[in-house]
């Protein structure tokens, strides 16, 4: 059970009200709405990660799932396992995010998993995980990956701190949610 009540939509105004109106009806957004204007900015940033990056969406989801598992964030894992399956992501990738086992993964998938572990556990990626990815993905995509990891570390900590309840129904297609301007 959540630590505090979910936001009352009737009490929202400005960017928070607009963000809530356009957000999928899931518990994380019902809880985040308490943050006022930051909720709208959070939605804009999250949508940018999901829809406006060059990073391959399956590599992005692999990293998000791994962050969720390393953070012990059941809600995050539930949401993004569903999203991953909606994207037709291979079950072995979803399993690798859970276990950290890279057997059967491509080189880039294994490198993304190792890099994600390194950033989450050590804050600064080591040369051993950074150099292979820079060589393979280039600066923009490695920066996008790093930003994604950091954002979902924030999300996981938010979810766990407020004990946001797991969803009971189907997860909406978050990648196609309405843009919050």
N, C-alpha and C. Protein backbone atom coordinates (compact mmCIF):
# COMPACT_ATOMS: atom_id res chain seq x y z
N UNK A 1 0.85 -1.18 0.00
CA UNK A 1 0.00 0.00 0.00
C UNK A 1 0.89 1.24 0.00
N UNK A 2 0.54 2.19 -0.82
CA UNK A 2 1.35 3.41 -0.94
C UNK A 2 1.46 4.12 0.40
N UNK A 3 2.60 4.78 0.60
CA UNK A 3 2.87 5.49 1.85
C UNK A 3 2.01 6.73 2.04
N UNK A 4 1.61 7.35 0.93
CA UNK A 4 0.71 8.50 0.99
C UNK A 4 -0.39 8.28 -0.03
N UNK A 5 -1.48 9.02 0.09
CA UNK A 5 -2.57 8.90 -0.87
C UNK A 5 -2.11 9.38 -2.25
N UNK A 6 -2.71 8.81 -3.27
CA UNK A 6 -2.46 9.28 -4.62
C UNK A 6 -3.08 10.66 -4.79
N UNK A 7 -2.55 11.44 -5.71
CA UNK A 7 -3.01 12.81 -5.93
C UNK A 7 -4.47 12.84 -6.37
N UNK A 8 -5.15 13.87 -5.95
CA UNK A 8 -6.53 14.13 -6.35
C UNK A 8 -6.48 15.02 -7.60
N UNK A 9 -6.94 14.52 -8.75
CA UNK A 9 -6.87 15.32 -9.98
C UNK A 9 -7.57 16.68 -9.86
N UNK A 10 -8.58 16.77 -9.04
CA UNK A 10 -9.30 18.03 -8.87
C UNK A 10 -8.44 19.11 -8.20
N UNK A 11 -7.38 18.70 -7.54
CA UNK A 11 -6.51 19.64 -6.84
C UNK A 11 -5.32 20.11 -7.69
N UNK A 12 -5.21 19.60 -8.91
CA UNK A 12 -4.07 19.92 -9.76
C UNK A 12 -4.36 21.15 -10.62
N UNK A 13 -3.30 21.90 -10.94
CA UNK A 13 -3.46 23.02 -11.85
C UNK A 13 -2.21 23.15 -12.72
N UNK A 14 -2.28 24.03 -13.71
CA UNK A 14 -1.13 24.32 -14.57
C UNK A 14 -0.59 23.08 -15.28
N UNK A 15 0.74 23.02 -15.33
CA UNK A 15 1.42 21.93 -16.04
C UNK A 15 1.11 20.57 -15.41
N UNK A 16 0.94 20.52 -14.09
CA UNK A 16 0.61 19.25 -13.44
C UNK A 16 -0.75 18.74 -13.92
N UNK A 17 -1.74 19.62 -13.99
CA UNK A 17 -3.08 19.22 -14.45
C UNK A 17 -3.04 18.75 -15.90
N UNK A 18 -2.30 19.48 -16.73
CA UNK A 18 -2.19 19.11 -18.14
C UNK A 18 -1.48 17.76 -18.28
N UNK A 19 -0.41 17.57 -17.54
CA UNK A 19 0.33 16.31 -17.58
C UNK A 19 -0.55 15.16 -17.14
N UNK A 20 -1.30 15.36 -16.05
CA UNK A 20 -2.17 14.30 -15.53
C UNK A 20 -3.26 13.95 -16.53
N UNK A 21 -3.82 14.96 -17.16
CA UNK A 21 -4.89 14.75 -18.14
C UNK A 21 -4.39 13.91 -19.32
N UNK A 22 -3.14 14.09 -19.70
CA UNK A 22 -2.57 13.39 -20.85
C UNK A 22 -1.83 12.10 -20.50
N UNK A 23 -1.66 11.83 -19.22
CA UNK A 23 -0.88 10.66 -18.79
C UNK A 23 -1.73 9.40 -18.79
N UNK A 24 -1.11 8.27 -19.08
CA UNK A 24 -1.83 7.01 -18.90
C UNK A 24 -2.26 6.88 -17.44
N UNK A 25 -3.40 6.26 -17.18
CA UNK A 25 -3.92 6.17 -15.81
C UNK A 25 -3.23 5.06 -15.01
N UNK A 26 -1.95 5.29 -14.69
CA UNK A 26 -1.21 4.29 -13.91
C UNK A 26 -0.71 4.93 -12.62
N UNK A 27 -0.42 4.09 -11.66
CA UNK A 27 -0.13 4.56 -10.30
C UNK A 27 1.07 5.48 -10.17
N UNK A 28 2.12 5.24 -10.94
CA UNK A 28 3.28 6.13 -10.81
C UNK A 28 2.89 7.57 -11.11
N UNK A 29 2.08 7.78 -12.13
CA UNK A 29 1.68 9.14 -12.49
C UNK A 29 0.69 9.72 -11.49
N UNK A 30 -0.15 8.86 -10.93
CA UNK A 30 -1.08 9.32 -9.88
C UNK A 30 -0.30 9.79 -8.66
N UNK A 31 0.83 9.15 -8.37
CA UNK A 31 1.65 9.55 -7.23
C UNK A 31 2.49 10.78 -7.57
N UNK A 32 3.09 10.78 -8.75
CA UNK A 32 3.95 11.89 -9.16
C UNK A 32 3.21 13.22 -9.28
N UNK A 33 1.91 13.16 -9.47
CA UNK A 33 1.14 14.39 -9.65
C UNK A 33 1.25 15.32 -8.44
N UNK A 34 1.58 14.78 -7.27
CA UNK A 34 1.80 15.62 -6.09
C UNK A 34 2.95 16.62 -6.30
N UNK A 35 3.84 16.33 -7.21
CA UNK A 35 5.04 17.15 -7.41
C UNK A 35 4.76 18.45 -8.17
N UNK A 36 3.52 18.72 -8.49
CA UNK A 36 3.17 19.97 -9.15
C UNK A 36 3.84 20.10 -10.50
N UNK A 37 4.42 21.27 -10.80
CA UNK A 37 5.03 21.48 -12.11
C UNK A 37 6.14 20.47 -12.43
N UNK A 38 6.80 19.94 -11.41
CA UNK A 38 7.84 18.95 -11.68
C UNK A 38 7.27 17.69 -12.33
N UNK A 39 6.03 17.38 -12.02
CA UNK A 39 5.37 16.23 -12.65
C UNK A 39 5.32 16.42 -14.17
N UNK A 40 4.93 17.60 -14.62
CA UNK A 40 4.89 17.87 -16.06
C UNK A 40 6.26 17.78 -16.69
N UNK A 41 7.26 18.32 -16.02
CA UNK A 41 8.63 18.25 -16.54
C UNK A 41 9.14 16.81 -16.55
N UNK A 42 8.80 16.05 -15.51
CA UNK A 42 9.16 14.64 -15.44
C UNK A 42 8.58 13.91 -16.66
N UNK A 43 7.32 14.17 -16.95
CA UNK A 43 6.66 13.52 -18.09
C UNK A 43 7.35 13.88 -19.41
N UNK A 44 7.71 15.15 -19.57
CA UNK A 44 8.39 15.58 -20.78
C UNK A 44 9.73 14.86 -20.93
N UNK A 45 10.49 14.81 -19.85
CA UNK A 45 11.80 14.19 -19.89
C UNK A 45 11.68 12.68 -20.16
N UNK A 46 10.77 12.03 -19.45
CA UNK A 46 10.58 10.60 -19.65
C UNK A 46 10.14 10.27 -21.06
N UNK A 47 9.25 11.09 -21.61
CA UNK A 47 8.81 10.86 -22.97
C UNK A 47 9.96 11.06 -23.96
N UNK A 48 10.81 12.04 -23.67
CA UNK A 48 11.98 12.24 -24.52
C UNK A 48 12.86 11.01 -24.57
N UNK A 49 13.06 10.39 -23.43
CA UNK A 49 13.87 9.16 -23.36
C UNK A 49 13.21 8.04 -24.15
N UNK A 50 11.90 7.91 -24.02
CA UNK A 50 11.20 6.81 -24.68
C UNK A 50 11.00 7.01 -26.18
N UNK A 51 10.97 8.27 -26.63
CA UNK A 51 10.56 8.49 -28.02
C UNK A 51 11.50 9.35 -28.85
N UNK A 52 12.49 9.98 -28.25
CA UNK A 52 13.28 10.95 -29.03
C UNK A 52 14.78 10.68 -28.99
N UNK A 53 15.15 9.45 -28.74
CA UNK A 53 16.58 9.12 -28.70
C UNK A 53 16.94 8.24 -29.89
N UNK A 54 18.23 8.21 -30.19
CA UNK A 54 18.72 7.34 -31.26
C UNK A 54 19.02 5.93 -30.76
N UNK A 55 19.18 5.77 -29.46
CA UNK A 55 19.50 4.46 -28.88
C UNK A 55 18.43 3.44 -29.25
N UNK A 56 18.86 2.27 -29.67
CA UNK A 56 17.94 1.20 -30.02
C UNK A 56 16.96 0.96 -28.86
N UNK A 57 15.65 0.94 -29.13
CA UNK A 57 14.67 0.78 -28.05
C UNK A 57 14.85 -0.50 -27.23
N UNK A 58 15.33 -1.56 -27.84
CA UNK A 58 15.53 -2.79 -27.06
C UNK A 58 16.73 -2.67 -26.13
N UNK A 59 17.77 -1.97 -26.56
CA UNK A 59 18.90 -1.73 -25.66
C UNK A 59 18.47 -0.81 -24.52
N UNK A 60 17.64 0.17 -24.83
CA UNK A 60 17.10 1.07 -23.80
C UNK A 60 16.32 0.27 -22.77
N UNK A 61 15.42 -0.59 -23.24
CA UNK A 61 14.60 -1.38 -22.31
C UNK A 61 15.45 -2.36 -21.52
N UNK A 62 16.48 -2.92 -22.13
CA UNK A 62 17.40 -3.80 -21.40
C UNK A 62 18.01 -3.05 -20.23
N UNK A 63 18.47 -1.83 -20.48
CA UNK A 63 19.07 -1.02 -19.41
C UNK A 63 18.03 -0.65 -18.35
N UNK A 64 16.84 -0.25 -18.77
CA UNK A 64 15.80 0.12 -17.81
C UNK A 64 15.44 -1.06 -16.92
N UNK A 65 15.27 -2.22 -17.52
CA UNK A 65 14.95 -3.41 -16.73
C UNK A 65 16.07 -3.75 -15.76
N UNK A 66 17.30 -3.62 -16.21
CA UNK A 66 18.43 -3.94 -15.33
C UNK A 66 18.48 -2.97 -14.15
N UNK A 67 18.26 -1.68 -14.42
CA UNK A 67 18.21 -0.70 -13.34
C UNK A 67 17.11 -1.08 -12.35
N UNK A 68 15.95 -1.44 -12.85
CA UNK A 68 14.84 -1.84 -11.97
C UNK A 68 15.20 -3.02 -11.10
N UNK A 69 15.84 -4.02 -11.69
CA UNK A 69 16.24 -5.20 -10.91
C UNK A 69 17.32 -4.84 -9.90
N UNK A 70 18.34 -4.10 -10.32
CA UNK A 70 19.41 -3.73 -9.38
C UNK A 70 18.90 -2.85 -8.25
N UNK A 71 17.84 -2.09 -8.51
CA UNK A 71 17.27 -1.19 -7.50
C UNK A 71 16.20 -1.86 -6.65
N UNK A 72 15.83 -3.08 -6.97
CA UNK A 72 14.78 -3.76 -6.23
C UNK A 72 13.43 -3.09 -6.40
N UNK A 73 13.17 -2.52 -7.57
CA UNK A 73 11.95 -1.77 -7.83
C UNK A 73 10.96 -2.64 -8.60
N UNK A 74 10.11 -3.34 -7.86
CA UNK A 74 9.17 -4.28 -8.47
C UNK A 74 8.22 -3.60 -9.45
N UNK A 75 7.75 -2.41 -9.12
CA UNK A 75 6.83 -1.70 -10.00
C UNK A 75 7.51 -1.40 -11.33
N UNK A 76 8.73 -0.89 -11.26
CA UNK A 76 9.48 -0.55 -12.47
C UNK A 76 9.68 -1.78 -13.35
N UNK A 77 10.06 -2.88 -12.72
CA UNK A 77 10.29 -4.12 -13.46
C UNK A 77 8.99 -4.60 -14.10
N UNK A 78 7.89 -4.58 -13.34
CA UNK A 78 6.61 -5.03 -13.89
C UNK A 78 6.22 -4.20 -15.11
N UNK A 79 6.29 -2.89 -14.99
CA UNK A 79 5.90 -2.02 -16.10
C UNK A 79 6.76 -2.27 -17.33
N UNK A 80 8.06 -2.32 -17.14
CA UNK A 80 8.95 -2.39 -18.31
C UNK A 80 9.12 -3.81 -18.85
N UNK A 81 8.84 -4.83 -18.06
CA UNK A 81 8.76 -6.17 -18.66
C UNK A 81 7.56 -6.23 -19.59
N UNK A 82 6.46 -5.62 -19.18
CA UNK A 82 5.27 -5.58 -20.04
C UNK A 82 5.55 -4.78 -21.31
N UNK A 83 6.16 -3.61 -21.14
CA UNK A 83 6.51 -2.78 -22.30
C UNK A 83 7.45 -3.54 -23.23
N UNK A 84 8.44 -4.22 -22.65
CA UNK A 84 9.39 -5.00 -23.46
C UNK A 84 8.68 -6.07 -24.27
N UNK A 85 7.72 -6.72 -23.64
CA UNK A 85 6.97 -7.74 -24.37
C UNK A 85 6.07 -7.11 -25.43
N UNK A 86 5.51 -5.94 -25.16
CA UNK A 86 4.72 -5.24 -26.17
C UNK A 86 5.58 -4.91 -27.39
N UNK A 87 6.88 -4.67 -27.14
CA UNK A 87 7.83 -4.36 -28.22
C UNK A 87 8.37 -5.62 -28.89
N UNK A 88 7.94 -6.79 -28.42
CA UNK A 88 8.41 -8.08 -28.94
C UNK A 88 9.89 -8.32 -28.65
N UNK A 89 10.34 -7.86 -27.49
CA UNK A 89 11.71 -8.08 -27.06
C UNK A 89 11.90 -9.56 -26.74
N UNK A 90 13.05 -10.11 -27.07
CA UNK A 90 13.34 -11.52 -26.81
C UNK A 90 13.32 -11.81 -25.31
N UNK A 91 12.74 -12.93 -24.95
CA UNK A 91 12.66 -13.33 -23.53
C UNK A 91 14.04 -13.49 -22.91
N UNK A 92 15.04 -13.88 -23.72
CA UNK A 92 16.38 -14.03 -23.15
C UNK A 92 16.96 -12.68 -22.74
N UNK A 93 16.57 -11.59 -23.40
CA UNK A 93 17.00 -10.25 -22.98
C UNK A 93 16.33 -9.86 -21.66
N UNK A 94 15.04 -10.15 -21.56
CA UNK A 94 14.32 -9.85 -20.33
C UNK A 94 14.91 -10.65 -19.18
N UNK A 95 15.23 -11.90 -19.42
CA UNK A 95 15.85 -12.75 -18.40
C UNK A 95 17.25 -12.25 -18.04
N UNK A 96 18.01 -11.81 -19.03
CA UNK A 96 19.37 -11.30 -18.78
C UNK A 96 19.31 -10.06 -17.90
N UNK A 97 18.30 -9.22 -18.09
CA UNK A 97 18.15 -8.04 -17.24
C UNK A 97 17.91 -8.46 -15.79
N UNK A 98 17.21 -9.55 -15.60
CA UNK A 98 16.92 -10.06 -14.26
C UNK A 98 18.17 -10.65 -13.60
N UNK A 99 18.93 -11.43 -14.36
CA UNK A 99 20.02 -12.21 -13.77
C UNK A 99 21.40 -11.60 -13.96
N UNK A 100 21.57 -10.80 -15.01
CA UNK A 100 22.89 -10.28 -15.35
C UNK A 100 23.69 -11.24 -16.20
N UNK A 101 23.13 -12.40 -16.51
CA UNK A 101 23.82 -13.42 -17.31
C UNK A 101 23.80 -13.00 -18.78
N UNK A 102 24.96 -12.88 -19.38
CA UNK A 102 25.07 -12.42 -20.76
C UNK A 102 25.19 -13.55 -21.79
N UNK A 103 25.12 -14.80 -21.35
CA UNK A 103 25.19 -15.93 -22.29
C UNK A 103 24.06 -15.82 -23.30
N UNK A 104 24.41 -15.93 -24.57
CA UNK A 104 23.41 -15.88 -25.63
C UNK A 104 23.08 -14.47 -26.12
N UNK A 105 23.68 -13.45 -25.50
CA UNK A 105 23.43 -12.08 -25.94
C UNK A 105 24.44 -11.67 -26.99
N UNK A 106 24.08 -10.72 -27.80
CA UNK A 106 25.04 -10.16 -28.76
C UNK A 106 26.08 -9.37 -27.98
N UNK A 107 27.17 -9.01 -28.64
CA UNK A 107 28.21 -8.23 -27.98
C UNK A 107 27.67 -6.92 -27.44
N UNK A 108 26.89 -6.20 -28.25
CA UNK A 108 26.39 -4.89 -27.80
C UNK A 108 25.41 -5.06 -26.64
N UNK A 109 24.59 -6.08 -26.66
CA UNK A 109 23.66 -6.32 -25.55
C UNK A 109 24.41 -6.61 -24.26
N UNK A 110 25.45 -7.45 -24.35
CA UNK A 110 26.26 -7.76 -23.17
C UNK A 110 26.98 -6.51 -22.67
N UNK A 111 27.46 -5.68 -23.59
CA UNK A 111 28.16 -4.45 -23.21
C UNK A 111 27.21 -3.46 -22.53
N UNK A 112 25.98 -3.35 -23.02
CA UNK A 112 24.99 -2.47 -22.39
C UNK A 112 24.67 -2.96 -20.99
N UNK A 113 24.52 -4.25 -20.83
CA UNK A 113 24.23 -4.81 -19.51
C UNK A 113 25.39 -4.54 -18.54
N UNK A 114 26.63 -4.78 -18.99
CA UNK A 114 27.79 -4.53 -18.13
C UNK A 114 27.93 -3.05 -17.79
N UNK A 115 27.70 -2.19 -18.76
CA UNK A 115 27.79 -0.74 -18.55
C UNK A 115 26.73 -0.29 -17.54
N UNK A 116 25.52 -0.80 -17.70
CA UNK A 116 24.44 -0.44 -16.78
C UNK A 116 24.80 -0.86 -15.36
N UNK A 117 25.28 -2.08 -15.19
CA UNK A 117 25.71 -2.53 -13.87
C UNK A 117 26.77 -1.61 -13.29
N UNK A 118 27.73 -1.25 -14.11
CA UNK A 118 28.85 -0.42 -13.67
C UNK A 118 28.37 0.96 -13.21
N UNK A 119 27.52 1.59 -14.00
CA UNK A 119 27.03 2.93 -13.65
C UNK A 119 26.17 2.88 -12.39
N UNK A 120 25.28 1.89 -12.29
CA UNK A 120 24.41 1.80 -11.12
C UNK A 120 25.23 1.53 -9.86
N UNK A 121 26.16 0.62 -9.94
CA UNK A 121 26.91 0.20 -8.75
C UNK A 121 28.05 1.15 -8.39
N UNK A 122 28.66 1.79 -9.38
CA UNK A 122 29.89 2.56 -9.13
C UNK A 122 29.78 4.04 -9.46
N UNK A 123 28.66 4.50 -9.95
CA UNK A 123 28.40 5.87 -10.37
C UNK A 123 29.16 6.20 -11.65
N UNK A 124 30.45 6.06 -11.67
CA UNK A 124 31.26 6.34 -12.85
C UNK A 124 31.58 5.03 -13.56
N UNK A 125 31.28 4.98 -14.85
CA UNK A 125 31.61 3.80 -15.63
C UNK A 125 33.13 3.68 -15.77
N UNK A 126 33.62 2.48 -15.64
CA UNK A 126 35.04 2.22 -15.83
C UNK A 126 35.39 2.24 -17.31
N UNK A 127 36.67 2.36 -17.61
CA UNK A 127 37.11 2.28 -19.01
C UNK A 127 36.73 0.93 -19.62
N UNK A 128 36.71 -0.12 -18.80
CA UNK A 128 36.40 -1.46 -19.30
C UNK A 128 34.98 -1.57 -19.86
N UNK A 129 34.05 -0.80 -19.32
CA UNK A 129 32.68 -0.84 -19.86
C UNK A 129 32.40 0.34 -20.78
N UNK A 130 33.08 1.47 -20.56
CA UNK A 130 32.85 2.67 -21.35
C UNK A 130 33.43 2.57 -22.75
N UNK A 131 34.68 2.16 -22.87
CA UNK A 131 35.38 2.16 -24.16
C UNK A 131 34.71 1.29 -25.22
N UNK A 132 34.30 0.07 -24.90
CA UNK A 132 33.64 -0.73 -25.94
C UNK A 132 32.37 -0.07 -26.48
N UNK A 133 31.59 0.55 -25.60
CA UNK A 133 30.35 1.17 -26.05
C UNK A 133 30.58 2.44 -26.86
N UNK A 134 31.54 3.26 -26.44
CA UNK A 134 31.85 4.46 -27.22
C UNK A 134 32.28 4.06 -28.63
N UNK A 135 33.09 3.01 -28.71
CA UNK A 135 33.54 2.54 -30.02
C UNK A 135 32.41 1.99 -30.87
N UNK A 136 31.44 1.40 -30.24
CA UNK A 136 30.35 0.75 -30.98
C UNK A 136 29.17 1.70 -31.23
N UNK A 137 28.78 2.47 -30.22
CA UNK A 137 27.57 3.29 -30.32
C UNK A 137 27.84 4.77 -30.59
N UNK A 138 29.02 5.25 -30.23
CA UNK A 138 29.34 6.66 -30.39
C UNK A 138 28.87 7.48 -29.20
N UNK A 139 29.35 8.74 -29.14
CA UNK A 139 29.06 9.58 -27.98
C UNK A 139 27.57 9.83 -27.71
N UNK A 140 26.80 10.13 -28.74
CA UNK A 140 25.39 10.47 -28.49
C UNK A 140 24.64 9.31 -27.84
N UNK A 141 24.77 8.12 -28.39
CA UNK A 141 24.01 6.99 -27.87
C UNK A 141 24.50 6.56 -26.49
N UNK A 142 25.80 6.69 -26.22
CA UNK A 142 26.29 6.37 -24.88
C UNK A 142 25.79 7.41 -23.88
N UNK A 143 25.71 8.67 -24.31
CA UNK A 143 25.14 9.68 -23.42
C UNK A 143 23.66 9.41 -23.20
N UNK A 144 22.92 9.05 -24.24
CA UNK A 144 21.51 8.72 -24.08
C UNK A 144 21.34 7.54 -23.13
N UNK A 145 22.18 6.53 -23.27
CA UNK A 145 22.13 5.37 -22.39
C UNK A 145 22.39 5.78 -20.94
N UNK A 146 23.39 6.60 -20.73
CA UNK A 146 23.73 7.05 -19.38
C UNK A 146 22.60 7.87 -18.77
N UNK A 147 22.01 8.74 -19.55
CA UNK A 147 20.87 9.54 -19.09
C UNK A 147 19.69 8.62 -18.75
N UNK A 148 19.45 7.63 -19.59
CA UNK A 148 18.36 6.68 -19.34
C UNK A 148 18.60 5.93 -18.03
N UNK A 149 19.81 5.46 -17.82
CA UNK A 149 20.14 4.75 -16.59
C UNK A 149 19.88 5.66 -15.39
N UNK A 150 20.37 6.89 -15.44
CA UNK A 150 20.19 7.82 -14.34
C UNK A 150 18.73 8.15 -14.08
N UNK A 151 17.97 8.39 -15.15
CA UNK A 151 16.55 8.71 -15.00
C UNK A 151 15.81 7.56 -14.33
N UNK A 152 16.08 6.34 -14.77
CA UNK A 152 15.37 5.20 -14.20
C UNK A 152 15.88 4.82 -12.82
N UNK A 153 17.08 5.23 -12.46
CA UNK A 153 17.49 5.12 -11.06
C UNK A 153 16.62 6.05 -10.21
N UNK A 154 16.38 7.27 -10.69
CA UNK A 154 15.49 8.20 -10.01
C UNK A 154 14.09 7.61 -9.90
N UNK A 155 13.57 7.11 -11.01
CA UNK A 155 12.22 6.53 -11.01
C UNK A 155 12.13 5.40 -9.99
N UNK A 156 13.11 4.51 -10.00
CA UNK A 156 13.09 3.37 -9.08
C UNK A 156 13.11 3.82 -7.62
N UNK A 157 13.91 4.82 -7.32
CA UNK A 157 13.98 5.32 -5.95
C UNK A 157 12.68 6.01 -5.53
N UNK A 158 12.07 6.72 -6.45
CA UNK A 158 10.78 7.35 -6.19
C UNK A 158 9.74 6.27 -5.89
N UNK A 159 9.64 5.28 -6.78
CA UNK A 159 8.66 4.21 -6.62
C UNK A 159 8.81 3.48 -5.29
N UNK A 160 10.04 3.17 -4.94
CA UNK A 160 10.28 2.43 -3.70
C UNK A 160 10.05 3.30 -2.46
N UNK A 161 10.44 4.57 -2.51
CA UNK A 161 10.26 5.46 -1.37
C UNK A 161 8.79 5.66 -1.06
N UNK A 162 7.96 5.84 -2.10
CA UNK A 162 6.53 6.09 -1.88
C UNK A 162 5.70 4.81 -1.92
N UNK A 163 6.37 3.67 -2.12
CA UNK A 163 5.72 2.36 -2.13
C UNK A 163 4.51 2.35 -3.06
N UNK A 164 4.75 2.81 -4.29
CA UNK A 164 3.69 2.86 -5.29
C UNK A 164 3.20 1.44 -5.57
N UNK A 165 1.89 1.28 -5.54
CA UNK A 165 1.27 -0.03 -5.71
C UNK A 165 1.44 -0.54 -7.13
N UNK A 166 1.63 -1.86 -7.25
CA UNK A 166 1.70 -2.50 -8.55
C UNK A 166 0.37 -2.37 -9.27
N UNK A 167 0.41 -2.33 -10.58
CA UNK A 167 -0.80 -2.24 -11.39
C UNK A 167 -1.49 -3.60 -11.44
N UNK A 168 -2.81 -3.55 -11.55
CA UNK A 168 -3.58 -4.78 -11.68
C UNK A 168 -3.93 -5.10 -13.12
N UNK A 169 -3.98 -4.08 -13.98
CA UNK A 169 -4.43 -4.28 -15.35
C UNK A 169 -3.29 -4.23 -16.35
N UNK A 170 -3.66 -4.13 -17.61
CA UNK A 170 -2.70 -4.05 -18.70
C UNK A 170 -1.98 -2.70 -18.69
N UNK A 171 -0.71 -2.73 -19.01
CA UNK A 171 0.08 -1.51 -19.07
C UNK A 171 -0.18 -0.82 -20.40
N UNK A 172 -0.52 0.48 -20.38
CA UNK A 172 -0.73 1.18 -21.65
C UNK A 172 0.58 1.30 -22.42
N UNK A 173 0.48 1.63 -23.69
CA UNK A 173 1.64 1.84 -24.54
C UNK A 173 2.24 3.20 -24.22
N UNK A 174 3.23 3.24 -23.33
CA UNK A 174 3.80 4.49 -22.84
C UNK A 174 4.58 5.23 -23.93
N UNK A 175 5.12 4.51 -24.88
CA UNK A 175 5.90 5.15 -25.94
C UNK A 175 5.02 6.02 -26.84
N UNK A 176 3.73 5.76 -26.83
CA UNK A 176 2.83 6.52 -27.68
C UNK A 176 1.89 7.44 -26.89
N UNK A 177 2.27 7.75 -25.67
CA UNK A 177 1.40 8.64 -24.88
C UNK A 177 1.42 10.05 -25.47
N UNK A 178 0.40 10.80 -25.15
CA UNK A 178 0.27 12.16 -25.66
C UNK A 178 1.42 13.02 -25.15
N UNK A 179 1.94 13.83 -26.04
CA UNK A 179 3.04 14.74 -25.69
C UNK A 179 2.55 15.82 -24.72
N UNK A 180 3.37 16.10 -23.70
CA UNK A 180 3.07 17.13 -22.73
C UNK A 180 3.88 18.36 -23.11
N UNK A 181 3.24 19.43 -23.55
CA UNK A 181 3.98 20.61 -24.00
C UNK A 181 4.03 21.67 -22.93
